[in-house]
Amino acid sequence: MPQYIFVYLGGEYPTSPEEGQKHFEQYQQWLISLGDAVVSPAIPFKDTHTVQPGGQASPGTISAMSGMSIIRADSMEQALEAAKSCPFLEINGTLEVSEMIEMSGGSDQDGSQKAN
C-alpha cells in the first residue's frame, strides 16, 4: 500500500498550556481515528539549519516546516481526506501531502538493509 508524508507548515503556537494540551489531545484523537494507517505518527522538528549550495549553513528554515507524519493510504484522495481532518489546520497550519516513492537499496524502516 502506498505511503504518504504529511509535512506540517507554519501553525500558531498555543497561547496557554491548557490550549496546548487541548490541541495535543485533539491530535492524539485524530491519530487514533486513522488506526493502522499510521506508519509514523509525529516527527516534530527542532534546531533546523539550512545548507546552501557551496556548503554554507545557517540556523533556521526557509520552508516553515515544523514536522511530519507518514500514513498508508490506497490513493492520494484517501490521504487528502485524512489530511483534511487534521487538527493542525485548526491552528492555521498547512499540510503538504506527497506520495512517497520506494527506492531500491538503502534500509527498511526496521533498519535492516534492503537487497537490490
PDB file of N, CA and C in Angstrom:
ATOM      1  N   MET A   1       0.857  -1.170   0.000  1.00  0.00           N
ATOM      2  CA  MET A   1       0.000   0.000   0.000  1.00  0.00           C
ATOM      3  C   MET A   1       0.908   1.240   0.000  1.00  0.00           C
ATOM      4  N   PRO A   2       0.591   2.223  -0.801  1.00  0.00           N
ATOM      5  CA  PRO A   2       1.420   3.430  -0.856  1.00  0.00           C
ATOM      6  C   PRO A   2       1.480   4.155   0.492  1.00  0.00           C
ATOM      7  N   GLN A   3       2.606   4.824   0.713  1.00  0.00           N
ATOM      8  CA  GLN A   3       2.766   5.644   1.908  1.00  0.00           C
ATOM      9  C   GLN A   3       2.795   7.111   1.496  1.00  0.00           C
ATOM     10  N   TYR A   4       2.245   7.945   2.360  1.00  0.00           N
ATOM     11  CA  TYR A   4       2.157   9.380   2.111  1.00  0.00           C
ATOM     12  C   TYR A   4       2.763  10.129   3.285  1.00  0.00           C
ATOM     13  N   ILE A   5       3.487  11.181   2.971  1.00  0.00           N
ATOM     14  CA  ILE A   5       4.070  12.024   4.008  1.00  0.00           C
ATOM     15  C   ILE A   5       3.229  13.287   4.133  1.00  0.00           C
ATOM     16  N   PHE A   6       2.918  13.631   5.364  1.00  0.00           N
ATOM     17  CA  PHE A   6       2.242  14.889   5.670  1.00  0.00           C
ATOM     18  C   PHE A   6       3.308  15.804   6.264  1.00  0.00           C
ATOM     19  N   VAL A   7       3.619  16.885   5.588  1.00  0.00           N
ATOM     20  CA  VAL A   7       4.583  17.857   6.097  1.00  0.00           C
ATOM     21  C   VAL A   7       3.796  19.012   6.704  1.00  0.00           C
ATOM     22  N   TYR A   8       4.094  19.308   7.968  1.00  0.00           N
ATOM     23  CA  TYR A   8       3.409  20.373   8.695  1.00  0.00           C
ATOM     24  C   TYR A   8       4.149  21.690   8.462  1.00  0.00           C
ATOM     25  N   LEU A   9       3.416  22.696   7.978  1.00  0.00           N
ATOM     26  CA  LEU A   9       3.997  24.007   7.671  1.00  0.00           C
ATOM     27  C   LEU A   9       3.285  25.085   8.478  1.00  0.00           C
ATOM     28  N   GLY A  10       4.079  25.930   9.137  1.00  0.00           N
ATOM     29  CA  GLY A  10       3.502  27.053   9.878  1.00  0.00           C
ATOM     30  C   GLY A  10       2.745  26.611  11.105  1.00  0.00           C
ATOM     31  N   GLY A  11       1.609  27.226  11.325  1.00  0.00           N
ATOM     32  CA  GLY A  11       0.795  26.956  12.503  1.00  0.00           C
ATOM     33  C   GLY A  11       1.103  27.947  13.606  1.00  0.00           C
ATOM     34  N   GLU A  12       0.131  28.168  14.451  1.00  0.00           N
ATOM     35  CA  GLU A  12       0.280  29.111  15.562  1.00  0.00           C
ATOM     36  C   GLU A  12       0.568  28.346  16.847  1.00  0.00           C
ATOM     37  N   TYR A  13       1.443  28.905  17.662  1.00  0.00           N
ATOM     38  CA  TYR A  13       1.741  28.295  18.952  1.00  0.00           C
ATOM     39  C   TYR A  13       0.587  28.547  19.916  1.00  0.00           C
ATOM     40  N   PRO A  14       0.328  27.607  20.822  1.00  0.00           N
ATOM     41  CA  PRO A  14      -0.737  27.809  21.807  1.00  0.00           C
ATOM     42  C   PRO A  14      -0.432  29.025  22.679  1.00  0.00           C
ATOM     43  N   THR A  15      -1.482  29.702  23.106  1.00  0.00           N
ATOM     44  CA  THR A  15      -1.312  30.887  23.950  1.00  0.00           C
ATOM     45  C   THR A  15      -1.263  30.542  25.433  1.00  0.00           C
ATOM     46  N   SER A  16      -1.559  29.285  25.772  1.00  0.00           N
ATOM     47  CA  SER A  16      -1.511  28.856  27.172  1.00  0.00           C
ATOM     48  C   SER A  16      -1.212  27.361  27.213  1.00  0.00           C
ATOM     49  N   PRO A  17      -0.724  26.869  28.353  1.00  0.00           N
ATOM     50  CA  PRO A  17      -0.506  25.430  28.491  1.00  0.00           C
ATOM     51  C   PRO A  17      -1.798  24.629  28.290  1.00  0.00           C
ATOM     52  N   GLU A  18      -2.922  25.184  28.745  1.00  0.00           N
ATOM     53  CA  GLU A  18      -4.207  24.492  28.592  1.00  0.00           C
ATOM     54  C   GLU A  18      -4.583  24.361  27.112  1.00  0.00           C
ATOM     55  N   GLU A  19      -4.356  25.429  26.362  1.00  0.00           N
ATOM     56  CA  GLU A  19      -4.639  25.387  24.926  1.00  0.00           C
ATOM     57  C   GLU A  19      -3.728  24.373  24.231  1.00  0.00           C
ATOM     58  N   GLY A  20      -2.465  24.335  24.639  1.00  0.00           N
ATOM     59  CA  GLY A  20      -1.528  23.363  24.085  1.00  0.00           C
ATOM     60  C   GLY A  20      -1.957  21.937  24.383  1.00  0.00           C
ATOM     61  N   GLN A  21      -2.415  21.685  25.599  1.00  0.00           N
ATOM     62  CA  GLN A  21      -2.879  20.357  25.982  1.00  0.00           C
ATOM     63  C   GLN A  21      -4.117  19.968  25.186  1.00  0.00           C
ATOM     64  N   LYS A  22      -5.028  20.912  25.006  1.00  0.00           N
ATOM     65  CA  LYS A  22      -6.253  20.641  24.240  1.00  0.00           C
ATOM     66  C   LYS A  22      -5.907  20.261  22.800  1.00  0.00           C
ATOM     67  N   HIS A  23      -4.996  21.012  22.190  1.00  0.00           N
ATOM     68  CA  HIS A  23      -4.597  20.706  20.811  1.00  0.00           C
ATOM     69  C   HIS A  23      -3.917  19.340  20.744  1.00  0.00           C
ATOM     70  N   PHE A  24      -3.046  19.053  21.716  1.00  0.00           N
ATOM     71  CA  PHE A  24      -2.360  17.762  21.745  1.00  0.00           C
ATOM     72  C   PHE A  24      -3.371  16.623  21.834  1.00  0.00           C
ATOM     73  N   GLU A  25      -4.391  16.771  22.663  1.00  0.00           N
ATOM     74  CA  GLU A  25      -5.423  15.735  22.799  1.00  0.00           C
ATOM     75  C   GLU A  25      -6.216  15.569  21.500  1.00  0.00           C
ATOM     76  N   GLN A  26      -6.510  16.681  20.819  1.00  0.00           N
ATOM     77  CA  GLN A  26      -7.210  16.592  19.528  1.00  0.00           C
ATOM     78  C   GLN A  26      -6.345  15.857  18.505  1.00  0.00           C
ATOM     79  N   TYR A  27      -5.061  16.151  18.514  1.00  0.00           N
ATOM     80  CA  TYR A  27      -4.131  15.497  17.590  1.00  0.00           C
ATOM     81  C   TYR A  27      -4.065  13.997  17.878  1.00  0.00           C
ATOM     82  N   GLN A  28      -4.011  13.629  19.164  1.00  0.00           N
ATOM     83  CA  GLN A  28      -3.984  12.212  19.538  1.00  0.00           C
ATOM     84  C   GLN A  28      -5.258  11.500  19.076  1.00  0.00           C
ATOM     85  N   GLN A  29      -6.416  12.136  19.241  1.00  0.00           N
ATOM     86  CA  GLN A  29      -7.679  11.544  18.787  1.00  0.00           C
ATOM     87  C   GLN A  29      -7.700  11.376  17.269  1.00  0.00           C
ATOM     88  N   TRP A  30      -7.143  12.347  16.557  1.00  0.00           N
ATOM     89  CA  TRP A  30      -7.053  12.251  15.093  1.00  0.00           C
ATOM     90  C   TRP A  30      -6.207  11.044  14.701  1.00  0.00           C
ATOM     91  N   LEU A  31      -5.064  10.862  15.364  1.00  0.00           N
ATOM     92  CA  LEU A  31      -4.203   9.714  15.065  1.00  0.00           C
ATOM     93  C   LEU A  31      -4.928   8.404  15.350  1.00  0.00           C
ATOM     94  N   ILE A  32      -5.650   8.346  16.457  1.00  0.00           N
ATOM     95  CA  ILE A  32      -6.413   7.141  16.792  1.00  0.00           C
ATOM     96  C   ILE A  32      -7.445   6.859  15.710  1.00  0.00           C
ATOM     97  N   SER A  33      -8.078   7.915  15.190  1.00  0.00           N
ATOM     98  CA  SER A  33      -9.101   7.726  14.150  1.00  0.00           C
ATOM     99  C   SER A  33      -8.513   7.167  12.855  1.00  0.00           C
ATOM    100  N   LEU A  34      -7.215   7.391  12.628  1.00  0.00           N
ATOM    101  CA  LEU A  34      -6.567   6.863  11.421  1.00  0.00           C
ATOM    102  C   LEU A  34      -6.197   5.388  11.569  1.00  0.00           C
ATOM    103  N   GLY A  35      -6.149   4.900  12.793  1.00  0.00           N
ATOM    104  CA  GLY A  35      -5.906   3.486  13.056  1.00  0.00           C
ATOM    105  C   GLY A  35      -4.589   2.982  12.502  1.00  0.00           C
ATOM    106  N   ASP A  36      -4.648   1.800  11.865  1.00  0.00           N
ATOM    107  CA  ASP A  36      -3.455   1.134  11.353  1.00  0.00           C
ATOM    108  C   ASP A  36      -2.822   1.847  10.168  1.00  0.00           C
ATOM    109  N   ALA A  37      -3.470   2.857   9.636  1.00  0.00           N
ATOM    110  CA  ALA A  37      -2.899   3.608   8.510  1.00  0.00           C
ATOM    111  C   ALA A  37      -1.664   4.399   8.936  1.00  0.00           C
ATOM    112  N   VAL A  38      -1.540   4.676  10.230  1.00  0.00           N
ATOM    113  CA  VAL A  38      -0.426   5.495  10.715  1.00  0.00           C
ATOM    114  C   VAL A  38       0.856   4.666  10.743  1.00  0.00           C
ATOM    115  N   VAL A  39       1.862   5.130  10.012  1.00  0.00           N
ATOM    116  CA  VAL A  39       3.174   4.487   9.987  1.00  0.00           C
ATOM    117  C   VAL A  39       4.090   5.172  10.997  1.00  0.00           C
ATOM    118  N   SER A  40       4.143   6.474  10.947  1.00  0.00           N
ATOM    119  CA  SER A  40       4.955   7.281  11.855  1.00  0.00           C
ATOM    120  C   SER A  40       4.104   8.479  12.273  1.00  0.00           C
ATOM    121  N   PRO A  41       3.566   8.460  13.498  1.00  0.00           N
ATOM    122  CA  PRO A  41       2.534   9.417  13.870  1.00  0.00           C
ATOM    123  C   PRO A  41       2.975  10.871  13.954  1.00  0.00           C
ATOM    124  N   ALA A  42       4.118  11.133  14.507  1.00  0.00           N
ATOM    125  CA  ALA A  42       4.507  12.531  14.690  1.00  0.00           C
ATOM    126  C   ALA A  42       6.017  12.628  14.787  1.00  0.00           C
ATOM    127  N   ILE A  43       6.574  13.407  13.918  1.00  0.00           N
ATOM    128  CA  ILE A  43       8.008  13.658  13.953  1.00  0.00           C
ATOM    129  C   ILE A  43       8.193  15.178  13.931  1.00  0.00           C
ATOM    130  N   PRO A  44       8.175  15.810  15.105  1.00  0.00           N
ATOM    131  CA  PRO A  44       8.382  17.258  15.123  1.00  0.00           C
ATOM    132  C   PRO A  44       9.855  17.576  14.868  1.00  0.00           C
ATOM    133  N   PHE A  45      10.104  18.742  14.299  1.00  0.00           N
ATOM    134  CA  PHE A  45      11.464  19.182  14.015  1.00  0.00           C
ATOM    135  C   PHE A  45      11.893  20.210  15.052  1.00  0.00           C
ATOM    136  N   LYS A  46      13.195  20.233  15.350  1.00  0.00           N
ATOM    137  CA  LYS A  46      13.751  21.282  16.201  1.00  0.00           C
ATOM    138  C   LYS A  46      15.173  21.565  15.737  1.00  0.00           C
ATOM    139  N   ASP A  47      15.666  22.721  16.076  1.00  0.00           N
ATOM    140  CA  ASP A  47      17.033  23.134  15.756  1.00  0.00           C
ATOM    141  C   ASP A  47      17.346  22.932  14.273  1.00  0.00           C
ATOM    142  N   THR A  48      16.471  23.444  13.415  1.00  0.00           N
ATOM    143  CA  THR A  48      16.630  23.311  11.968  1.00  0.00           C
ATOM    144  C   THR A  48      17.704  24.260  11.456  1.00  0.00           C
ATOM    145  N   HIS A  49      18.523  23.766  10.552  1.00  0.00           N
ATOM    146  CA  HIS A  49      19.521  24.570   9.854  1.00  0.00           C
ATOM    147  C   HIS A  49      19.333  24.363   8.359  1.00  0.00           C
ATOM    148  N   THR A  50      19.725  25.341   7.583  1.00  0.00           N
ATOM    149  CA  THR A  50      19.628  25.277   6.130  1.00  0.00           C
ATOM    150  C   THR A  50      21.037  25.285   5.551  1.00  0.00           C
ATOM    151  N   VAL A  51      21.321  24.340   4.652  1.00  0.00           N
ATOM    152  CA  VAL A  51      22.614  24.284   3.970  1.00  0.00           C
ATOM    153  C   VAL A  51      22.402  24.727   2.534  1.00  0.00           C
ATOM    154  N   GLN A  52      23.121  25.758   2.131  1.00  0.00           N
ATOM    155  CA  GLN A  52      23.007  26.341   0.795  1.00  0.00           C
ATOM    156  C   GLN A  52      24.042  25.718  -0.145  1.00  0.00           C
ATOM    157  N   PRO A  53      23.854  25.883  -1.462  1.00  0.00           N
ATOM    158  CA  PRO A  53      24.902  25.462  -2.394  1.00  0.00           C
ATOM    159  C   PRO A  53      26.229  26.112  -1.983  1.00  0.00           C
ATOM    160  N   GLY A  54      27.287  25.350  -2.052  1.00  0.00           N
ATOM    161  CA  GLY A  54      28.580  25.852  -1.599  1.00  0.00           C
ATOM    162  C   GLY A  54      28.875  25.463  -0.164  1.00  0.00           C
ATOM    163  N   GLY A  55      27.865  24.906   0.534  1.00  0.00           N
ATOM    164  CA  GLY A  55      28.085  24.377   1.872  1.00  0.00           C
ATOM    165  C   GLY A  55      27.852  25.327   3.025  1.00  0.00           C
ATOM    166  N   GLN A  56      27.442  26.564   2.778  1.00  0.00           N
ATOM    167  CA  GLN A  56      27.200  27.495   3.878  1.00  0.00           C
ATOM    168  C   GLN A  56      25.939  27.078   4.632  1.00  0.00           C
ATOM    169  N   ALA A  57      26.074  26.894   5.950  1.00  0.00           N
ATOM    170  CA  ALA A  57      24.945  26.502   6.795  1.00  0.00           C
ATOM    171  C   ALA A  57      24.534  27.673   7.672  1.00  0.00           C
ATOM    172  N   SER A  58      23.227  27.821   7.856  1.00  0.00           N
ATOM    173  CA  SER A  58      22.718  28.879   8.726  1.00  0.00           C
ATOM    174  C   SER A  58      21.523  28.349   9.507  1.00  0.00           C
ATOM    175  N   PRO A  59      21.335  28.844  10.739  1.00  0.00           N
ATOM    176  CA  PRO A  59      20.196  28.387  11.528  1.00  0.00           C
ATOM    177  C   PRO A  59      18.878  28.839  10.912  1.00  0.00           C
ATOM    178  N   GLY A  60      17.862  28.018  11.096  1.00  0.00           N
ATOM    179  CA  GLY A  60      16.527  28.372  10.625  1.00  0.00           C
ATOM    180  C   GLY A  60      16.125  27.606   9.381  1.00  0.00           C
ATOM    181  N   THR A  61      14.876  27.807   9.000  1.00  0.00           N
ATOM    182  CA  THR A  61      14.303  27.122   7.852  1.00  0.00           C
ATOM    183  C   THR A  61      13.816  28.153   6.843  1.00  0.00           C
ATOM    184  N   ILE A  62      13.826  27.786   5.587  1.00  0.00           N
ATOM    185  CA  ILE A  62      13.264  28.668   4.565  1.00  0.00           C
ATOM    186  C   ILE A  62      11.877  28.196   4.150  1.00  0.00           C
ATOM    187  N   SER A  63      11.427  27.068   4.728  1.00  0.00           N
ATOM    188  CA  SER A  63      10.154  26.492   4.302  1.00  0.00           C
ATOM    189  C   SER A  63       9.064  26.495   5.370  1.00  0.00           C
ATOM    190  N   ALA A  64       9.372  26.870   6.586  1.00  0.00           N
ATOM    191  CA  ALA A  64       8.419  26.868   7.706  1.00  0.00           C
ATOM    192  C   ALA A  64       7.974  25.463   8.095  1.00  0.00           C
ATOM    193  N   MET A  65       8.746  24.425   7.704  1.00  0.00           N
ATOM    194  CA  MET A  65       8.403  23.060   8.104  1.00  0.00           C
ATOM    195  C   MET A  65       8.587  22.914   9.606  1.00  0.00           C
ATOM    196  N   SER A  66       7.580  22.319  10.262  1.00  0.00           N
ATOM    197  CA  SER A  66       7.676  22.122  11.703  1.00  0.00           C
ATOM    198  C   SER A  66       7.600  20.653  12.105  1.00  0.00           C
ATOM    199  N   GLY A  67       7.311  19.768  11.152  1.00  0.00           N
ATOM    200  CA  GLY A  67       7.248  18.350  11.455  1.00  0.00           C
ATOM    201  C   GLY A  67       6.632  17.570  10.321  1.00  0.00           C
ATOM    202  N   MET A  68       6.437  16.265  10.565  1.00  0.00           N
ATOM    203  CA  MET A  68       5.858  15.406   9.535  1.00  0.00           C
ATOM    204  C   MET A  68       5.235  14.174  10.168  1.00  0.00           C
ATOM    205  N   SER A  69       4.368  13.524   9.417  1.00  0.00           N
ATOM    206  CA  SER A  69       3.785  12.227   9.759  1.00  0.00           C
ATOM    207  C   SER A  69       3.775  11.395   8.490  1.00  0.00           C
ATOM    208  N   ILE A  70       3.742  10.087   8.645  1.00  0.00           N
ATOM    209  CA  ILE A  70       3.658   9.188   7.495  1.00  0.00           C
ATOM    210  C   ILE A  70       2.479   8.250   7.715  1.00  0.00           C
ATOM    211  N   ILE A  71       1.636   8.124   6.684  1.00  0.00           N
ATOM    212  CA  ILE A  71       0.495   7.205   6.745  1.00  0.00           C
ATOM    213  C   ILE A  71       0.481   6.319   5.507  1.00  0.00           C
ATOM    214  N   ARG A  72      -0.282   5.240   5.594  1.00  0.00           N
ATOM    215  CA  ARG A  72      -0.579   4.392   4.435  1.00  0.00           C
ATOM    216  C   ARG A  72      -1.982   4.745   3.956  1.00  0.00           C
ATOM    217  N   ALA A  73      -2.146   4.778   2.643  1.00  0.00           N
ATOM    218  CA  ALA A  73      -3.470   5.032   2.069  1.00  0.00           C
ATOM    219  C   ALA A  73      -3.520   4.373   0.700  1.00  0.00           C
ATOM    220  N   ASP A  74      -4.721   4.022   0.266  1.00  0.00           N
ATOM    221  CA  ASP A  74      -4.895   3.390  -1.040  1.00  0.00           C
ATOM    222  C   ASP A  74      -4.674   4.354  -2.193  1.00  0.00           C
ATOM    223  N   SER A  75      -4.864   5.656  -1.937  1.00  0.00           N
ATOM    224  CA  SER A  75      -4.774   6.641  -3.020  1.00  0.00           C
ATOM    225  C   SER A  75      -4.471   8.018  -2.439  1.00  0.00           C
ATOM    226  N   MET A  76      -4.083   8.929  -3.318  1.00  0.00           N
ATOM    227  CA  MET A  76      -3.874  10.314  -2.895  1.00  0.00           C
ATOM    228  C   MET A  76      -5.171  10.890  -2.343  1.00  0.00           C
ATOM    229  N   GLU A  77      -6.288  10.549  -2.956  1.00  0.00           N
ATOM    230  CA  GLU A  77      -7.575  11.063  -2.490  1.00  0.00           C
ATOM    231  C   GLU A  77      -7.841  10.643  -1.049  1.00  0.00           C
ATOM    232  N   GLN A  78      -7.542   9.390  -0.721  1.00  0.00           N
ATOM    233  CA  GLN A  78      -7.739   8.903   0.644  1.00  0.00           C
ATOM    234  C   GLN A  78      -6.784   9.616   1.612  1.00  0.00           C
ATOM    235  N   ALA A  79      -5.544   9.833   1.188  1.00  0.00           N
ATOM    236  CA  ALA A  79      -4.578  10.551   2.025  1.00  0.00           C
ATOM    237  C   ALA A  79      -5.037  11.988   2.258  1.00  0.00           C
ATOM    238  N   LEU A  80      -5.567  12.629   1.218  1.00  0.00           N
ATOM    239  CA  LEU A  80      -6.051  14.005   1.356  1.00  0.00           C
ATOM    240  C   LEU A  80      -7.236  14.091   2.308  1.00  0.00           C
ATOM    241  N   GLU A  81      -8.117  13.097   2.276  1.00  0.00           N
ATOM    242  CA  GLU A  81      -9.247  13.088   3.211  1.00  0.00           C
ATOM    243  C   GLU A  81      -8.747  13.015   4.649  1.00  0.00           C
ATOM    244  N   ALA A  82      -7.725  12.190   4.888  1.00  0.00           N
ATOM    245  CA  ALA A  82      -7.147  12.112   6.235  1.00  0.00           C
ATOM    246  C   ALA A  82      -6.529  13.451   6.624  1.00  0.00           C
ATOM    247  N   ALA A  83      -5.828  14.080   5.699  1.00  0.00           N
ATOM    248  CA  ALA A  83      -5.186  15.365   5.982  1.00  0.00           C
ATOM    249  C   ALA A  83      -6.212  16.450   6.288  1.00  0.00           C
ATOM    250  N   LYS A  84      -7.327  16.432   5.592  1.00  0.00           N
ATOM    251  CA  LYS A  84      -8.351  17.469   5.779  1.00  0.00           C
ATOM    252  C   LYS A  84      -8.963  17.446   7.174  1.00  0.00           C
ATOM    253  N   SER A  85      -8.851  16.327   7.870  1.00  0.00           N
ATOM    254  CA  SER A  85      -9.416  16.236   9.217  1.00  0.00           C
ATOM    255  C   SER A  85      -8.366  16.460  10.309  1.00  0.00           C
ATOM    256  N   CYS A  86      -7.139  16.810   9.932  1.00  0.00           N
ATOM    257  CA  CYS A  86      -6.059  17.002  10.905  1.00  0.00           C
ATOM    258  C   CYS A  86      -6.264  18.287  11.708  1.00  0.00           C
ATOM    259  N   PRO A  87      -6.169  18.227  13.036  1.00  0.00           N
ATOM    260  CA  PRO A  87      -6.363  19.415  13.861  1.00  0.00           C
ATOM    261  C   PRO A  87      -5.278  20.478  13.684  1.00  0.00           C
ATOM    262  N   PHE A  88      -4.183  20.150  13.022  1.00  0.00           N
ATOM    263  CA  PHE A  88      -3.150  21.160  12.747  1.00  0.00           C
ATOM    264  C   PHE A  88      -3.727  22.300  11.910  1.00  0.00           C
ATOM    265  N   LEU A  89      -4.708  21.989  11.087  1.00  0.00           N
ATOM    266  CA  LEU A  89      -5.348  23.017  10.259  1.00  0.00           C
ATOM    267  C   LEU A  89      -6.093  24.036  11.115  1.00  0.00           C
ATOM    268  N   GLU A  90      -6.554  23.606  12.299  1.00  0.00           N
ATOM    269  CA  GLU A  90      -7.306  24.491  13.192  1.00  0.00           C
ATOM    270  C   GLU A  90      -6.434  25.551  13.852  1.00  0.00           C
ATOM    271  N   ILE A  91      -5.109  25.363  13.816  1.00  0.00           N
ATOM    272  CA  ILE A  91      -4.207  26.374  14.380  1.00  0.00           C
ATOM    273  C   ILE A  91      -3.510  27.139  13.245  1.00  0.00           C
ATOM    274  N   ASN A  92      -4.210  27.221  12.119  1.00  0.00           N
ATOM    275  CA  ASN A  92      -3.739  27.947  10.938  1.00  0.00           C
ATOM    276  C   ASN A  92      -2.471  27.366  10.336  1.00  0.00           C
ATOM    277  N   GLY A  93      -2.276  26.062  10.537  1.00  0.00           N
ATOM    278  CA  GLY A  93      -1.176  25.375   9.885  1.00  0.00           C
ATOM    279  C   GLY A  93      -1.619  24.857   8.527  1.00  0.00           C
ATOM    280  N   THR A  94      -0.656  24.503   7.721  1.00  0.00           N
ATOM    281  CA  THR A  94      -0.897  23.949   6.394  1.00  0.00           C
ATOM    282  C   THR A  94      -0.238  22.581   6.325  1.00  0.00           C
ATOM    283  N   LEU A  95      -0.883  21.658   5.636  1.00  0.00           N
ATOM    284  CA  LEU A  95      -0.293  20.343   5.407  1.00  0.00           C
ATOM    285  C   LEU A  95       0.042  20.196   3.931  1.00  0.00           C
ATOM    286  N   GLU A  96       1.239  19.717   3.667  1.00  0.00           N
ATOM    287  CA  GLU A  96       1.632  19.362   2.309  1.00  0.00           C
ATOM    288  C   GLU A  96       1.656  17.840   2.262  1.00  0.00           C
ATOM    289  N   VAL A  97       0.935  17.243   1.320  1.00  0.00           N
ATOM    290  CA  VAL A  97       0.801  15.789   1.230  1.00  0.00           C
ATOM    291  C   VAL A  97       1.498  15.311  -0.035  1.00  0.00           C
ATOM    292  N   SER A  98       2.398  14.337   0.120  1.00  0.00           N
ATOM    293  CA  SER A  98       3.118  13.776  -1.026  1.00  0.00           C
ATOM    294  C   SER A  98       3.164  12.263  -0.911  1.00  0.00           C
ATOM    295  N   GLU A  99       2.998  11.583  -2.046  1.00  0.00           N
ATOM    296  CA  GLU A  99       3.201  10.137  -2.056  1.00  0.00           C
ATOM    297  C   GLU A  99       4.696   9.872  -2.016  1.00  0.00           C
ATOM    298  N   MET A 100       5.089   8.920  -1.195  1.00  0.00           N
ATOM    299  CA  MET A 100       6.497   8.556  -1.082  1.00  0.00           C
ATOM    300  C   MET A 100       6.810   7.484  -2.121  1.00  0.00           C
ATOM    301  N   ILE A 101       7.947   7.606  -2.755  1.00  0.00           N
ATOM    302  CA  ILE A 101       8.385   6.645  -3.762  1.00  0.00           C
ATOM    303  C   ILE A 101       9.412   5.730  -3.121  1.00  0.00           C
ATOM    304  N   GLU A 102       9.183   4.423  -3.208  1.00  0.00           N
ATOM    305  CA  GLU A 102      10.130   3.467  -2.654  1.00  0.00           C
ATOM    306  C   GLU A 102      11.302   3.317  -3.612  1.00  0.00           C
ATOM    307  N   MET A 103      12.494   3.505  -3.093  1.00  0.00           N
ATOM    308  CA  MET A 103      13.710   3.382  -3.889  1.00  0.00           C
ATOM    309  C   MET A 103      14.385   2.059  -3.543  1.00  0.00           C
ATOM    310  N   SER A 104      15.063   1.472  -4.492  1.00  0.00           N
ATOM    311  CA  SER A 104      15.799   0.245  -4.198  1.00  0.00           C
ATOM    312  C   SER A 104      17.066   0.598  -3.434  1.00  0.00           C
ATOM    313  N   GLY A 105      17.552  -0.370  -2.653  1.00  0.00           N
ATOM    314  CA  GLY A 105      18.734  -0.125  -1.839  1.00  0.00           C
ATOM    315  C   GLY A 105      18.354   0.545  -0.540  1.00  0.00           C
ATOM    316  N   GLY A 106      19.348   0.931   0.230  1.00  0.00           N
ATOM    317  CA  GLY A 106      19.075   1.611   1.487  1.00  0.00           C
ATOM    318  C   GLY A 106      18.617   0.648   2.560  1.00  0.00           C
ATOM    319  N   SER A 107      17.896   1.161   3.527  1.00  0.00           N
ATOM    320  CA  SER A 107      17.443   0.371   4.670  1.00  0.00           C
ATOM    321  C   SER A 107      15.933   0.332   4.731  1.00  0.00           C
ATOM    322  N   ASP A 108      15.399  -0.788   5.232  1.00  0.00           N
ATOM    323  CA  ASP A 108      13.978  -0.859   5.552  1.00  0.00           C
ATOM    324  C   ASP A 108      13.737  -0.020   6.795  1.00  0.00           C
ATOM    325  N   GLN A 109      12.461   0.196   7.125  1.00  0.00           N
ATOM    326  CA  GLN A 109      12.134   1.009   8.292  1.00  0.00           C
ATOM    327  C   GLN A 109      12.660   0.406   9.586  1.00  0.00           C
ATOM    328  N   ASP A 110      12.860  -0.908   9.623  1.00  0.00           N
ATOM    329  CA  ASP A 110      13.375  -1.516  10.846  1.00  0.00           C
ATOM    330  C   ASP A 110      14.896  -1.434  10.927  1.00  0.00           C
ATOM    331  N   GLY A 111      15.532  -0.791   9.924  1.00  0.00           N
ATOM    332  CA  GLY A 111      16.971  -0.603   9.942  1.00  0.00           C
ATOM    333  C   GLY A 111      17.746  -1.670   9.199  1.00  0.00           C
ATOM    334  N   SER A 112      17.082  -2.760   8.780  1.00  0.00           N
ATOM    335  CA  SER A 112      17.789  -3.804   8.048  1.00  0.00           C
ATOM    336  C   SER A 112      18.055  -3.344   6.621  1.00  0.00           C
ATOM    337  N   GLN A 113      19.125  -3.831   6.056  1.00  0.00           N
ATOM    338  CA  GLN A 113      19.495  -3.448   4.696  1.00  0.00           C
ATOM    339  C   GLN A 113      18.599  -4.149   3.691  1.00  0.00           C
ATOM    340  N   LYS A 114      18.190  -3.402   2.669  1.00  0.00           N
ATOM    341  CA  LYS A 114      17.390  -3.973   1.591  1.00  0.00           C
ATOM    342  C   LYS A 114      18.331  -4.490   0.510  1.00  0.00           C
ATOM    343  N   ALA A 115      17.946  -5.578  -0.106  1.00  0.00           N
ATOM    344  CA  ALA A 115      18.719  -6.108  -1.229  1.00  0.00           C
ATOM    345  C   ALA A 115      18.298  -5.399  -2.500  1.00  0.00           C
ATOM    346  N   ASN A 116      19.244  -5.142  -3.375  1.00  0.00           N
ATOM    347  CA  ASN A 116      18.925  -4.518  -4.668  1.00  0.00           C
ATOM    348  C   ASN A 116      18.422  -5.538  -5.642  1.00  0.00           C
TER     349      ASN A 116
END
